[in-house]
Amino acid sequence: MKIAVASDNGMVAEHFGHCHSFSIFSVENNQIVNIESLISPGHKPSFLPNFLNDLGVEVIVSGGMGGGAIEIFNEKGIRVITGAMGHAKVVAEQYLQGTLKTNGAVCNEHLLHNECGH
């Protein structure tokens, strides 16, 4: 299994589409066996969900995410976790332990400087 965490400097990014990178955690037997950091190819409508799907990601974690991206992930069968905060690796470990839950944070508007309005 692969878990992707939208991240900025090792921390969960506030907004999926504007993150600097993705921390990709490869998991075997419920343990993280490899961590890879990929620079985000940029925010383009529908591109990032398809990009992560092509990498074999099964779970995406972010602080917030727009409804369009969530819909595409759902269509691909990728689990979406929003409302996460903290260090990307800790969040991935919490997911594996079953202690990380989504709060359903959907970004409906973007304010100044592309900040999420949630």
Protein backbone atom coordinates (compact mmCIF):
# COMPACT_ATOMS: atom_id res chain seq x y z
CA MET A 1 0.00 0.00 0.00
CA LYS A 2 1.10 3.58 -0.61
CA ILE A 3 0.02 6.57 1.47
CA ALA A 4 0.61 10.05 0.04
CA VAL A 5 0.70 13.06 2.36
CA ALA A 6 0.51 16.52 0.79
CA SER A 7 3.37 18.27 2.55
CA ASP A 8 5.35 21.46 3.01
CA ASN A 9 8.75 21.07 4.68
CA GLY A 10 7.80 17.70 6.16
CA MET A 11 4.53 18.96 7.63
CA VAL A 12 1.01 18.25 6.35
CA ALA A 13 0.11 20.97 3.84
CA GLU A 14 -2.87 23.18 4.56
CA HIS A 15 -4.14 22.73 1.01
CA PHE A 16 -3.63 19.71 -1.24
CA GLY A 17 -3.44 21.59 -4.55
CA HIS A 18 -0.82 24.07 -3.40
CA CYS A 19 1.53 21.78 -1.50
CA HIS A 20 5.27 21.85 -2.22
CA SER A 21 5.66 18.08 -2.29
CA PHE A 22 4.13 14.71 -1.57
CA SER A 23 5.59 12.38 1.04
CA ILE A 24 4.95 8.88 -0.29
CA PHE A 25 4.98 6.13 2.33
CA SER A 26 5.26 2.54 1.09
CA VAL A 27 3.67 0.16 3.59
CA GLU A 28 4.04 -3.59 4.06
CA ASN A 29 2.47 -5.55 6.93
CA ASN A 30 1.16 -2.27 8.35
CA GLN A 31 4.72 -0.88 8.68
CA ILE A 32 6.33 1.95 6.71
CA VAL A 33 9.15 0.37 4.69
CA ASN A 34 10.10 3.28 2.42
CA ILE A 35 9.61 7.05 2.32
CA GLU A 36 9.95 9.07 -0.85
CA SER A 37 9.50 12.80 -1.32
CA LEU A 38 8.23 13.98 -4.70
CA ILE A 39 8.10 17.65 -5.66
CA SER A 40 4.56 18.51 -6.69
CA PRO A 41 4.26 18.90 -10.46
CA GLY A 42 1.94 21.85 -9.85
CA HIS A 43 -1.73 22.65 -9.45
CA LYS A 44 -3.66 21.82 -12.62
CA PRO A 45 -7.32 20.81 -12.57
CA SER A 46 -7.67 17.02 -12.20
CA PHE A 47 -3.96 16.40 -12.82
CA LEU A 48 -2.76 15.64 -9.27
CA PRO A 49 -5.35 12.94 -8.46
CA ASN A 50 -4.47 11.13 -11.69
CA PHE A 51 -0.72 11.62 -11.07
CA LEU A 52 -0.99 10.04 -7.60
CA ASN A 53 -3.23 7.26 -8.90
CA ASP A 54 -0.58 6.42 -11.51
CA LEU A 55 1.97 6.10 -8.66
CA GLY A 56 -0.22 3.47 -7.00
CA VAL A 57 -1.35 5.65 -4.08
CA GLU A 58 -4.29 4.19 -2.15
CA VAL A 59 -4.67 6.89 0.54
CA ILE A 60 -4.17 10.67 0.28
CA VAL A 61 -3.86 12.85 3.39
CA SER A 62 -4.03 16.65 3.45
CA GLY A 63 -5.13 19.56 5.58
CA GLY A 64 -7.79 20.60 3.09
CA MET A 65 -8.84 19.70 -0.42
CA GLY A 66 -11.25 20.97 -3.03
CA GLY A 67 -14.39 19.04 -3.84
CA GLY A 68 -13.31 18.36 -7.42
CA ALA A 69 -10.13 16.59 -6.33
CA ILE A 70 -12.04 14.61 -3.70
CA GLU A 71 -14.53 13.48 -6.34
CA ILE A 72 -11.75 12.27 -8.67
CA PHE A 73 -10.01 10.41 -5.84
CA ASN A 74 -13.32 8.77 -4.92
CA GLU A 75 -13.84 7.70 -8.54
CA LYS A 76 -10.37 6.12 -8.51
CA GLY A 77 -11.04 4.29 -5.23
CA ILE A 78 -8.43 6.31 -3.33
CA ARG A 79 -9.31 7.08 0.29
CA VAL A 80 -9.23 10.80 1.15
CA ILE A 81 -8.29 12.02 4.63
CA THR A 82 -8.63 15.78 5.19
CA GLY A 83 -8.23 17.94 8.26
CA ALA A 84 -4.89 16.39 9.20
CA MET A 85 -2.17 18.43 10.91
CA GLY A 86 1.38 17.75 12.02
CA HIS A 87 4.47 15.97 10.74
CA ALA A 88 3.79 13.91 7.61
CA LYS A 89 5.40 10.71 8.94
CA VAL A 90 3.53 10.92 12.26
CA VAL A 91 0.26 11.40 10.37
CA ALA A 92 0.98 8.36 8.17
CA GLU A 93 1.74 6.30 11.29
CA GLN A 94 -1.51 7.51 12.91
CA TYR A 95 -3.41 6.41 9.81
CA LEU A 96 -1.86 2.95 10.04
CA GLN A 97 -2.74 2.75 13.76
CA GLY A 98 -6.33 3.72 12.99
CA THR A 99 -6.16 6.92 15.04
CA LEU A 100 -6.23 9.42 12.15
CA LYS A 101 -9.72 10.44 11.07
CA THR A 102 -11.07 12.83 8.45
CA ASN A 103 -13.01 15.90 9.47
CA GLY A 104 -14.32 16.30 5.94
CA ALA A 105 -12.60 19.66 5.35
CA VAL A 106 -13.53 20.64 1.81
CA CYS A 107 -12.18 23.88 0.40
CA ASN A 108 -15.07 25.73 -1.20
CA GLU A 109 -13.35 29.05 -1.76
CA HIS A 110 -9.86 30.43 -2.08
CA LEU A 111 -8.98 33.69 -0.41
CA LEU A 112 -6.00 36.00 -0.83
CA HIS A 113 -2.69 34.31 -1.66
CA ASN A 114 -4.54 31.10 -2.57
CA GLU A 115 -5.20 30.28 1.06
CA CYS A 116 -7.92 27.79 1.73
CA GLY A 117 -11.12 29.23 3.18
CA HIS A 118 -11.93 26.31 5.53
